[in-house]
Amino acid sequence: MKTVTKILTTLTISLSLAGLANASTLVAADSNISTELCMKAASGSRVALNKAIKESRLSNAYVVYNIKCNEQNITDFVSKYGKSPEKMNALLNRGRIKGHVSINDIAAL
């Protein structure tokens, strides 16, 4: 009886862990450029994402502002589902258009 209980317990734990491992796997629904970029961004490979952006001939700014992954902004998607989201978002945010500020200090004599 103890052997049967041990086998059933081991099987239950093994299947539970396998189910948890598969639950975090992302699967692409189609082969669109935007889907490919989302999958590369979630993979955690900065080299693969940078290569995919260059091959798609899109700018980083366009990707950040216009590509949606599961109805979310790509940076939010990476933060939620991606591996090493800090590094990936740093790569993506590198393309954001930043304002130019110029301060001229003129002293009166």
N, C-alpha and C. Protein backbone atom coordinates (compact mmCIF):
# COMPACT_ATOMS: atom_id res chain seq x y z
N MET A 1 0.82 -1.19 0.00
CA MET A 1 0.00 0.00 0.00
C MET A 1 0.87 1.25 0.00
N LYS A 2 1.98 1.22 0.75
CA LYS A 2 2.86 2.38 0.81
C LYS A 2 3.50 2.64 -0.54
N THR A 3 3.82 1.60 -1.28
CA THR A 3 4.44 1.75 -2.58
C THR A 3 3.49 2.43 -3.57
N VAL A 4 2.23 2.03 -3.54
CA VAL A 4 1.23 2.63 -4.42
C VAL A 4 1.04 4.11 -4.08
N THR A 5 1.02 4.44 -2.82
CA THR A 5 0.87 5.82 -2.38
C THR A 5 2.06 6.66 -2.83
N LYS A 6 3.26 6.12 -2.69
CA LYS A 6 4.47 6.84 -3.12
C LYS A 6 4.45 7.07 -4.62
N ILE A 7 4.06 6.08 -5.38
CA ILE A 7 4.02 6.21 -6.85
C ILE A 7 3.00 7.26 -7.27
N LEU A 8 1.81 7.21 -6.66
CA LEU A 8 0.78 8.19 -6.99
C LEU A 8 1.20 9.61 -6.61
N THR A 9 1.84 9.75 -5.47
CA THR A 9 2.31 11.07 -5.03
C THR A 9 3.38 11.60 -5.98
N THR A 10 4.31 10.76 -6.35
CA THR A 10 5.37 11.16 -7.27
C THR A 10 4.81 11.54 -8.63
N LEU A 11 3.87 10.77 -9.12
CA LEU A 11 3.23 11.08 -10.40
C LEU A 11 2.48 12.39 -10.35
N THR A 12 1.75 12.63 -9.29
CA THR A 12 0.98 13.87 -9.14
C THR A 12 1.91 15.09 -9.10
N ILE A 13 2.97 15.01 -8.35
CA ILE A 13 3.92 16.13 -8.26
C ILE A 13 4.60 16.35 -9.60
N SER A 14 4.99 15.29 -10.28
CA SER A 14 5.65 15.41 -11.58
C SER A 14 4.74 16.07 -12.61
N LEU A 15 3.50 15.65 -12.67
CA LEU A 15 2.56 16.22 -13.62
C LEU A 15 2.25 17.68 -13.29
N SER A 16 2.18 18.00 -12.03
CA SER A 16 1.93 19.39 -11.62
C SER A 16 3.08 20.29 -12.03
N LEU A 17 4.29 19.85 -11.81
CA LEU A 17 5.46 20.65 -12.20
C LEU A 17 5.57 20.78 -13.72
N ALA A 18 5.25 19.74 -14.44
CA ALA A 18 5.27 19.82 -15.90
C ALA A 18 4.21 20.79 -16.41
N GLY A 19 3.07 20.80 -15.77
CA GLY A 19 2.01 21.74 -16.15
C GLY A 19 2.40 23.18 -15.87
N LEU A 20 3.09 23.42 -14.77
CA LEU A 20 3.55 24.78 -14.47
C LEU A 20 4.61 25.24 -15.45
N ALA A 21 5.48 24.35 -15.86
CA ALA A 21 6.52 24.71 -16.82
C ALA A 21 5.91 25.06 -18.17
N ASN A 22 4.89 24.34 -18.60
CA ASN A 22 4.27 24.61 -19.89
C ASN A 22 3.35 25.82 -19.85
N ALA A 23 2.89 26.22 -18.70
CA ALA A 23 1.97 27.35 -18.59
C ALA A 23 2.66 28.67 -18.93
N SER A 24 3.96 28.76 -18.72
CA SER A 24 4.66 30.01 -18.98
C SER A 24 5.24 30.09 -20.38
N THR A 25 4.97 29.12 -21.24
CA THR A 25 5.49 29.11 -22.59
C THR A 25 4.58 29.92 -23.50
N LEU A 26 5.19 30.85 -24.26
CA LEU A 26 4.43 31.66 -25.21
C LEU A 26 4.48 31.00 -26.57
N VAL A 27 3.35 31.02 -27.28
CA VAL A 27 3.27 30.43 -28.61
C VAL A 27 2.76 31.49 -29.56
N ALA A 28 3.45 31.65 -30.69
CA ALA A 28 3.04 32.63 -31.70
C ALA A 28 1.78 32.17 -32.41
N ALA A 29 0.84 33.08 -32.59
CA ALA A 29 -0.42 32.74 -33.24
C ALA A 29 -0.30 32.79 -34.76
N ASP A 30 0.60 33.61 -35.28
CA ASP A 30 0.79 33.72 -36.72
C ASP A 30 2.24 34.12 -36.99
N SER A 31 2.54 34.43 -38.26
CA SER A 31 3.92 34.76 -38.60
C SER A 31 4.05 36.22 -39.05
N ASN A 32 3.23 37.10 -38.51
CA ASN A 32 3.35 38.52 -38.83
C ASN A 32 4.64 39.09 -38.26
N ILE A 33 5.07 40.20 -38.82
CA ILE A 33 6.27 40.87 -38.32
C ILE A 33 6.09 41.28 -36.87
N SER A 34 4.90 41.81 -36.55
CA SER A 34 4.67 42.25 -35.17
C SER A 34 4.70 41.07 -34.20
N THR A 35 4.17 39.94 -34.59
CA THR A 35 4.20 38.76 -33.74
C THR A 35 5.62 38.27 -33.54
N GLU A 36 6.40 38.30 -34.61
CA GLU A 36 7.80 37.88 -34.51
C GLU A 36 8.57 38.80 -33.56
N LEU A 37 8.32 40.10 -33.66
CA LEU A 37 8.99 41.05 -32.77
C LEU A 37 8.58 40.82 -31.31
N CYS A 38 7.32 40.55 -31.09
CA CYS A 38 6.86 40.27 -29.72
C CYS A 38 7.52 39.02 -29.16
N MET A 39 7.62 37.98 -29.95
CA MET A 39 8.23 36.74 -29.49
C MET A 39 9.72 36.92 -29.23
N LYS A 40 10.40 37.66 -30.09
CA LYS A 40 11.82 37.92 -29.88
C LYS A 40 12.04 38.76 -28.63
N ALA A 41 11.16 39.73 -28.41
CA ALA A 41 11.28 40.59 -27.23
C ALA A 41 11.05 39.79 -25.95
N ALA A 42 10.13 38.86 -25.98
CA ALA A 42 9.85 38.04 -24.79
C ALA A 42 10.91 36.98 -24.55
N SER A 43 11.68 36.64 -25.59
CA SER A 43 12.69 35.58 -25.45
C SER A 43 13.86 35.98 -24.56
N GLY A 44 14.13 37.27 -24.47
CA GLY A 44 15.22 37.73 -23.62
C GLY A 44 16.54 37.88 -24.34
N SER A 45 16.58 37.63 -25.64
CA SER A 45 17.81 37.75 -26.41
C SER A 45 17.85 39.11 -27.10
N ARG A 46 18.72 39.98 -26.61
CA ARG A 46 18.83 41.33 -27.19
C ARG A 46 19.35 41.26 -28.62
N VAL A 47 20.25 40.34 -28.90
CA VAL A 47 20.80 40.20 -30.24
C VAL A 47 19.70 39.79 -31.22
N ALA A 48 18.89 38.81 -30.83
CA ALA A 48 17.81 38.34 -31.70
C ALA A 48 16.78 39.44 -31.95
N LEU A 49 16.44 40.20 -30.91
CA LEU A 49 15.47 41.29 -31.07
C LEU A 49 16.03 42.38 -31.96
N ASN A 50 17.27 42.77 -31.75
CA ASN A 50 17.88 43.81 -32.56
C ASN A 50 17.94 43.38 -34.03
N LYS A 51 18.28 42.12 -34.27
CA LYS A 51 18.33 41.58 -35.64
C LYS A 51 16.94 41.57 -36.27
N ALA A 52 15.93 41.19 -35.49
CA ALA A 52 14.56 41.15 -36.01
C ALA A 52 14.06 42.56 -36.35
N ILE A 53 14.42 43.54 -35.53
CA ILE A 53 14.00 44.93 -35.81
C ILE A 53 14.68 45.43 -37.09
N LYS A 54 15.96 45.13 -37.24
CA LYS A 54 16.67 45.56 -38.45
C LYS A 54 16.12 44.87 -39.70
N GLU A 55 15.83 43.57 -39.60
CA GLU A 55 15.29 42.84 -40.74
C GLU A 55 13.89 43.32 -41.12
N SER A 56 13.13 43.79 -40.15
CA SER A 56 11.78 44.28 -40.44
C SER A 56 11.81 45.70 -41.01
N ARG A 57 12.97 46.34 -40.96
CA ARG A 57 13.17 47.71 -41.45
C ARG A 57 12.30 48.72 -40.73
N LEU A 58 12.07 48.46 -39.46
CA LEU A 58 11.33 49.39 -38.61
C LEU A 58 12.31 50.04 -37.65
N SER A 59 11.98 51.24 -37.20
CA SER A 59 12.83 51.90 -36.22
C SER A 59 12.43 51.45 -34.81
N ASN A 60 13.33 51.63 -33.87
CA ASN A 60 13.02 51.29 -32.48
C ASN A 60 11.84 52.13 -31.98
N ALA A 61 11.81 53.41 -32.38
CA ALA A 61 10.71 54.28 -31.94
C ALA A 61 9.38 53.77 -32.48
N TYR A 62 9.34 53.34 -33.73
CA TYR A 62 8.10 52.82 -34.30
C TYR A 62 7.67 51.56 -33.56
N VAL A 63 8.61 50.69 -33.26
CA VAL A 63 8.29 49.45 -32.55
C VAL A 63 7.71 49.75 -31.18
N VAL A 64 8.33 50.69 -30.46
CA VAL A 64 7.88 51.01 -29.11
C VAL A 64 6.49 51.63 -29.12
N TYR A 65 6.23 52.53 -30.05
CA TYR A 65 4.96 53.26 -30.04
C TYR A 65 3.82 52.56 -30.78
N ASN A 66 4.12 51.65 -31.71
CA ASN A 66 3.06 51.12 -32.56
C ASN A 66 2.85 49.62 -32.50
N ILE A 67 3.81 48.84 -32.06
CA ILE A 67 3.65 47.38 -32.02
C ILE A 67 2.91 46.99 -30.75
N LYS A 68 1.85 46.23 -30.91
CA LYS A 68 1.05 45.75 -29.79
C LYS A 68 1.19 44.23 -29.70
N CYS A 69 1.36 43.76 -28.49
CA CYS A 69 1.46 42.32 -28.22
C CYS A 69 0.34 41.96 -27.24
N ASN A 70 -0.58 41.13 -27.67
CA ASN A 70 -1.73 40.76 -26.84
C ASN A 70 -2.45 42.00 -26.32
N GLU A 71 -2.67 42.95 -27.20
CA GLU A 71 -3.37 44.21 -26.89
C GLU A 71 -2.63 45.05 -25.85
N GLN A 72 -1.33 44.86 -25.71
CA GLN A 72 -0.51 45.63 -24.79
C GLN A 72 0.63 46.27 -25.56
N ASN A 73 1.13 47.37 -25.03
CA ASN A 73 2.33 47.97 -25.58
C ASN A 73 3.46 46.95 -25.45
N ILE A 74 4.39 46.94 -26.39
CA ILE A 74 5.45 45.92 -26.39
C ILE A 74 6.30 45.98 -25.11
N THR A 75 6.54 47.17 -24.58
CA THR A 75 7.33 47.27 -23.35
C THR A 75 6.58 46.70 -22.15
N ASP A 76 5.27 46.91 -22.10
CA ASP A 76 4.46 46.31 -21.02
C ASP A 76 4.43 44.79 -21.16
N PHE A 77 4.32 44.31 -22.39
CA PHE A 77 4.30 42.87 -22.65
C PHE A 77 5.60 42.22 -22.19
N VAL A 78 6.72 42.86 -22.51
CA VAL A 78 8.02 42.33 -22.11
C VAL A 78 8.16 42.36 -20.59
N SER A 79 7.67 43.41 -19.96
CA SER A 79 7.75 43.49 -18.50
C SER A 79 6.96 42.37 -17.83
N LYS A 80 5.86 41.99 -18.44
CA LYS A 80 4.99 40.98 -17.84
C LYS A 80 5.42 39.55 -18.18
N TYR A 81 5.81 39.30 -19.44
CA TYR A 81 6.05 37.93 -19.89
C TYR A 81 7.49 37.63 -20.28
N GLY A 82 8.33 38.63 -20.42
CA GLY A 82 9.66 38.43 -20.97
C GLY A 82 10.69 37.94 -19.99
N LYS A 83 11.75 37.39 -20.56
CA LYS A 83 12.92 37.01 -19.77
C LYS A 83 13.85 38.22 -19.78
N SER A 84 14.42 38.55 -18.65
CA SER A 84 15.27 39.73 -18.44
C SER A 84 14.63 41.00 -19.02
N PRO A 85 13.47 41.39 -18.47
CA PRO A 85 12.74 42.53 -19.04
C PRO A 85 13.48 43.86 -18.94
N GLU A 86 14.34 44.03 -17.95
CA GLU A 86 15.05 45.30 -17.82
C GLU A 86 15.95 45.54 -19.03
N LYS A 87 16.70 44.51 -19.41
CA LYS A 87 17.62 44.63 -20.55
C LYS A 87 16.85 44.81 -21.86
N MET A 88 15.77 44.07 -22.01
CA MET A 88 15.00 44.16 -23.26
C MET A 88 14.33 45.53 -23.38
N ASN A 89 13.76 46.02 -22.30
CA ASN A 89 13.12 47.33 -22.35
C ASN A 89 14.14 48.45 -22.54
N ALA A 90 15.35 48.27 -22.02
CA ALA A 90 16.41 49.27 -22.25
C ALA A 90 16.75 49.32 -23.74
N LEU A 91 16.80 48.17 -24.39
CA LEU A 91 17.05 48.13 -25.83
C LEU A 91 15.92 48.78 -26.60
N LEU A 92 14.69 48.48 -26.23
CA LEU A 92 13.54 49.05 -26.93
C LEU A 92 13.43 50.55 -26.69
N ASN A 93 13.63 50.99 -25.47
CA ASN A 93 13.47 52.40 -25.14
C ASN A 93 14.60 53.26 -25.65
N ARG A 94 15.65 52.63 -26.13
CA ARG A 94 16.74 53.37 -26.73
C ARG A 94 16.25 54.16 -27.94
N GLY A 95 15.17 53.71 -28.56
CA GLY A 95 14.66 54.36 -29.76
C GLY A 95 13.60 55.40 -29.52
N ARG A 96 13.25 55.65 -28.30
CA ARG A 96 12.23 56.67 -28.04
C ARG A 96 12.73 58.03 -28.44
N ILE A 97 11.84 58.82 -28.97
CA ILE A 97 12.19 60.16 -29.38
C ILE A 97 12.24 61.03 -28.13
N LYS A 98 13.39 61.62 -27.89
CA LYS A 98 13.56 62.43 -26.71
C LYS A 98 13.58 63.90 -27.13
N GLY A 99 13.01 64.72 -26.30
CA GLY A 99 12.99 66.16 -26.56
C GLY A 99 14.38 66.75 -26.42
N HIS A 100 14.61 67.79 -27.16
CA HIS A 100 15.90 68.48 -27.08
C HIS A 100 15.69 69.76 -26.29
N VAL A 101 16.46 69.92 -25.26
CA VAL A 101 16.34 71.08 -24.41
C VAL A 101 17.64 71.87 -24.49
N SER A 102 17.50 73.16 -24.67
CA SER A 102 18.66 74.03 -24.73
C SER A 102 18.44 75.19 -23.78
N ILE A 103 19.37 75.39 -22.88
CA ILE A 103 19.26 76.47 -21.92
C ILE A 103 20.40 77.45 -22.18
N ASN A 104 20.05 78.69 -22.44
CA ASN A 104 21.04 79.72 -22.64
C ASN A 104 20.98 80.68 -21.47
N ASP A 105 22.09 80.82 -20.80
CA ASP A 105 22.15 81.73 -19.65
C ASP A 105 22.87 82.99 -20.12
N ILE A 106 22.15 84.07 -20.13
CA ILE A 106 22.73 85.33 -20.55
C ILE A 106 22.84 86.24 -19.34
N ALA A 107 24.06 86.62 -19.02
CA ALA A 107 24.29 87.47 -17.87
C ALA A 107 24.37 88.92 -18.33
N ALA A 108 23.73 89.76 -17.60
CA ALA A 108 23.78 91.19 -17.91
C ALA A 108 24.96 91.82 -17.17
N LEU A 109 25.67 92.72 -17.84
CA LEU A 109 26.81 93.41 -17.21
C LEU A 109 26.39 94.64 -16.51
